[in-house]
Amino acid sequence: MRVNAIKNLPELRGTVSRAPRSLVSLHGEGWYTEADSPEIAAFTTENSVAPPRELVELFNEIEGMPVTRTSAISGQRHLSRILL
């Protein structure tokens, strides 16, 4: 499965062993992942580390999916967390 392949990317092994800092810049962007490890992989504009292309493509594909009636009613338009 595609998610399993993404889950095993070396870039997701963890870049920080403690909670990452909050973004400071007004238009900063941060991607944080946690997979089978207590470590967190942080990809932010502030640390100049881009998330893996495969992860970005997966999120873009998920966000491009049609909104269901249930998610529209509950106001969940954007995916905020996916468990890898």
C-alpha atoms as a PDB file:
ATOM      1  CA  MET A   1       0.000   0.000   0.000  1.00  0.00           C
ATOM      2  CA  ARG A   2       1.179   3.523  -0.758  1.00  0.00           C
ATOM      3  CA  VAL A   3       0.871   4.735   2.836  1.00  0.00           C
ATOM      4  CA  ASN A   4       3.165   1.936   4.020  1.00  0.00           C
ATOM      5  CA  ALA A   5       5.786   2.956   1.450  1.00  0.00           C
ATOM      6  CA  ILE A   6       5.588   6.561   2.632  1.00  0.00           C
ATOM      7  CA  LYS A   7       5.716   5.460   6.262  1.00  0.00           C
ATOM      8  CA  ASN A   8       9.069   3.771   5.587  1.00  0.00           C
ATOM      9  CA  LEU A   9      10.742   6.804   3.990  1.00  0.00           C
ATOM     10  CA  PRO A  10      14.070   7.515   5.723  1.00  0.00           C
ATOM     11  CA  GLU A  11      13.149  11.217   5.980  1.00  0.00           C
ATOM     12  CA  LEU A  12      10.328  10.304   8.384  1.00  0.00           C
ATOM     13  CA  ARG A  13      12.606   8.545  10.872  1.00  0.00           C
ATOM     14  CA  GLY A  14      12.600  11.634  13.059  1.00  0.00           C
ATOM     15  CA  THR A  15      14.419  14.911  12.952  1.00  0.00           C
ATOM     16  CA  VAL A  16      13.795  15.993  16.539  1.00  0.00           C
ATOM     17  CA  SER A  17      13.617  13.912  19.708  1.00  0.00           C
ATOM     18  CA  ARG A  18      11.458  16.424  21.573  1.00  0.00           C
ATOM     19  CA  ALA A  19       8.477  18.556  20.669  1.00  0.00           C
ATOM     20  CA  PRO A  20       9.385  20.976  17.862  1.00  0.00           C
ATOM     21  CA  ARG A  21       9.272  24.726  18.414  1.00  0.00           C
ATOM     22  CA  SER A  22       6.199  26.635  17.342  1.00  0.00           C
ATOM     23  CA  LEU A  23       6.536  28.490  14.065  1.00  0.00           C
ATOM     24  CA  VAL A  24       7.517  32.111  14.602  1.00  0.00           C
ATOM     25  CA  SER A  25       7.191  33.672  11.158  1.00  0.00           C
ATOM     26  CA  LEU A  26       3.775  34.961  10.142  1.00  0.00           C
ATOM     27  CA  HIS A  27       3.593  32.918   6.937  1.00  0.00           C
ATOM     28  CA  GLY A  28       5.665  29.956   8.074  1.00  0.00           C
ATOM     29  CA  GLU A  29       4.609  26.461   7.127  1.00  0.00           C
ATOM     30  CA  GLY A  30       5.264  23.322   9.102  1.00  0.00           C
ATOM     31  CA  TRP A  31       4.681  19.635   8.509  1.00  0.00           C
ATOM     32  CA  TYR A  32       5.141  17.335  11.493  1.00  0.00           C
ATOM     33  CA  THR A  33       4.971  13.558  11.322  1.00  0.00           C
ATOM     34  CA  GLU A  34       5.148  10.818  13.885  1.00  0.00           C
ATOM     35  CA  ALA A  35       5.413   7.188  12.814  1.00  0.00           C
ATOM     36  CA  ASP A  36       6.328   4.090  14.840  1.00  0.00           C
ATOM     37  CA  SER A  37       8.759   6.128  16.909  1.00  0.00           C
ATOM     38  CA  PRO A  38       8.612   8.635  19.731  1.00  0.00           C
ATOM     39  CA  GLU A  39      10.637  10.988  17.529  1.00  0.00           C
ATOM     40  CA  ILE A  40       8.956  13.621  15.379  1.00  0.00           C
ATOM     41  CA  ALA A  41       9.989  14.552  11.863  1.00  0.00           C
ATOM     42  CA  ALA A  42       9.705  18.325  11.465  1.00  0.00           C
ATOM     43  CA  PHE A  43       9.689  19.892   8.010  1.00  0.00           C
ATOM     44  CA  THR A  44       9.336  23.661   8.260  1.00  0.00           C
ATOM     45  CA  THR A  45      10.125  26.797   6.340  1.00  0.00           C
ATOM     46  CA  GLU A  46      12.036  27.955   9.390  1.00  0.00           C
ATOM     47  CA  ASN A  47      14.402  24.984   9.503  1.00  0.00           C
ATOM     48  CA  SER A  48      14.648  24.952   5.675  1.00  0.00           C
ATOM     49  CA  VAL A  49      13.660  21.294   5.434  1.00  0.00           C
ATOM     50  CA  ALA A  50      10.965  20.422   2.910  1.00  0.00           C
ATOM     51  CA  PRO A  51       8.706  17.402   3.469  1.00  0.00           C
ATOM     52  CA  PRO A  52       9.281  14.409   1.187  1.00  0.00           C
ATOM     53  CA  ARG A  53       7.602  14.788  -2.210  1.00  0.00           C
ATOM     54  CA  GLU A  54       5.680  11.519  -1.702  1.00  0.00           C
ATOM     55  CA  LEU A  55       4.130  12.809   1.521  1.00  0.00           C
ATOM     56  CA  VAL A  56       3.087  16.103  -0.068  1.00  0.00           C
ATOM     57  CA  GLU A  57       1.540  14.250  -3.028  1.00  0.00           C
ATOM     58  CA  LEU A  58      -0.440  11.987  -0.667  1.00  0.00           C
ATOM     59  CA  PHE A  59      -1.839  14.959   1.292  1.00  0.00           C
ATOM     60  CA  ASN A  60      -2.679  16.842  -1.915  1.00  0.00           C
ATOM     61  CA  GLU A  61      -4.500  13.773  -3.216  1.00  0.00           C
ATOM     62  CA  ILE A  62      -6.456  13.386   0.030  1.00  0.00           C
ATOM     63  CA  GLU A  63      -7.393  17.075   0.154  1.00  0.00           C
ATOM     64  CA  GLY A  64      -8.542  16.860  -3.477  1.00  0.00           C
ATOM     65  CA  MET A  65     -11.070  14.150  -2.650  1.00  0.00           C
ATOM     66  CA  PRO A  66     -14.726  15.141  -2.668  1.00  0.00           C
ATOM     67  CA  VAL A  67     -16.145  16.407   0.599  1.00  0.00           C
ATOM     68  CA  THR A  68     -18.724  14.034   2.039  1.00  0.00           C
ATOM     69  CA  ARG A  69     -21.953  15.209   3.557  1.00  0.00           C
ATOM     70  CA  THR A  70     -20.740  14.148   7.030  1.00  0.00           C
ATOM     71  CA  SER A  71     -17.460  16.069   6.794  1.00  0.00           C
ATOM     72  CA  ALA A  72     -19.225  19.141   5.355  1.00  0.00           C
ATOM     73  CA  ILE A  73     -21.694  19.160   8.244  1.00  0.00           C
ATOM     74  CA  SER A  74     -18.971  18.833  10.873  1.00  0.00           C
ATOM     75  CA  GLY A  75     -16.836  21.488   9.184  1.00  0.00           C
ATOM     76  CA  GLN A  76     -13.899  19.192   8.518  1.00  0.00           C
ATOM     77  CA  ARG A  77     -12.860  20.520   5.124  1.00  0.00           C
ATOM     78  CA  HIS A  78      -9.105  20.050   5.463  1.00  0.00           C
ATOM     79  CA  LEU A  79      -7.161  17.067   6.646  1.00  0.00           C
ATOM     80  CA  SER A  80      -5.275  18.009   9.778  1.00  0.00           C
ATOM     81  CA  ARG A  81      -3.900  14.650  10.867  1.00  0.00           C
ATOM     82  CA  ILE A  82      -3.317  11.300   9.282  1.00  0.00           C
ATOM     83  CA  LEU A  83      -2.007   8.335  11.214  1.00  0.00           C
ATOM     84  CA  LEU A  84       0.888   6.680   9.430  1.00  0.00           C
END
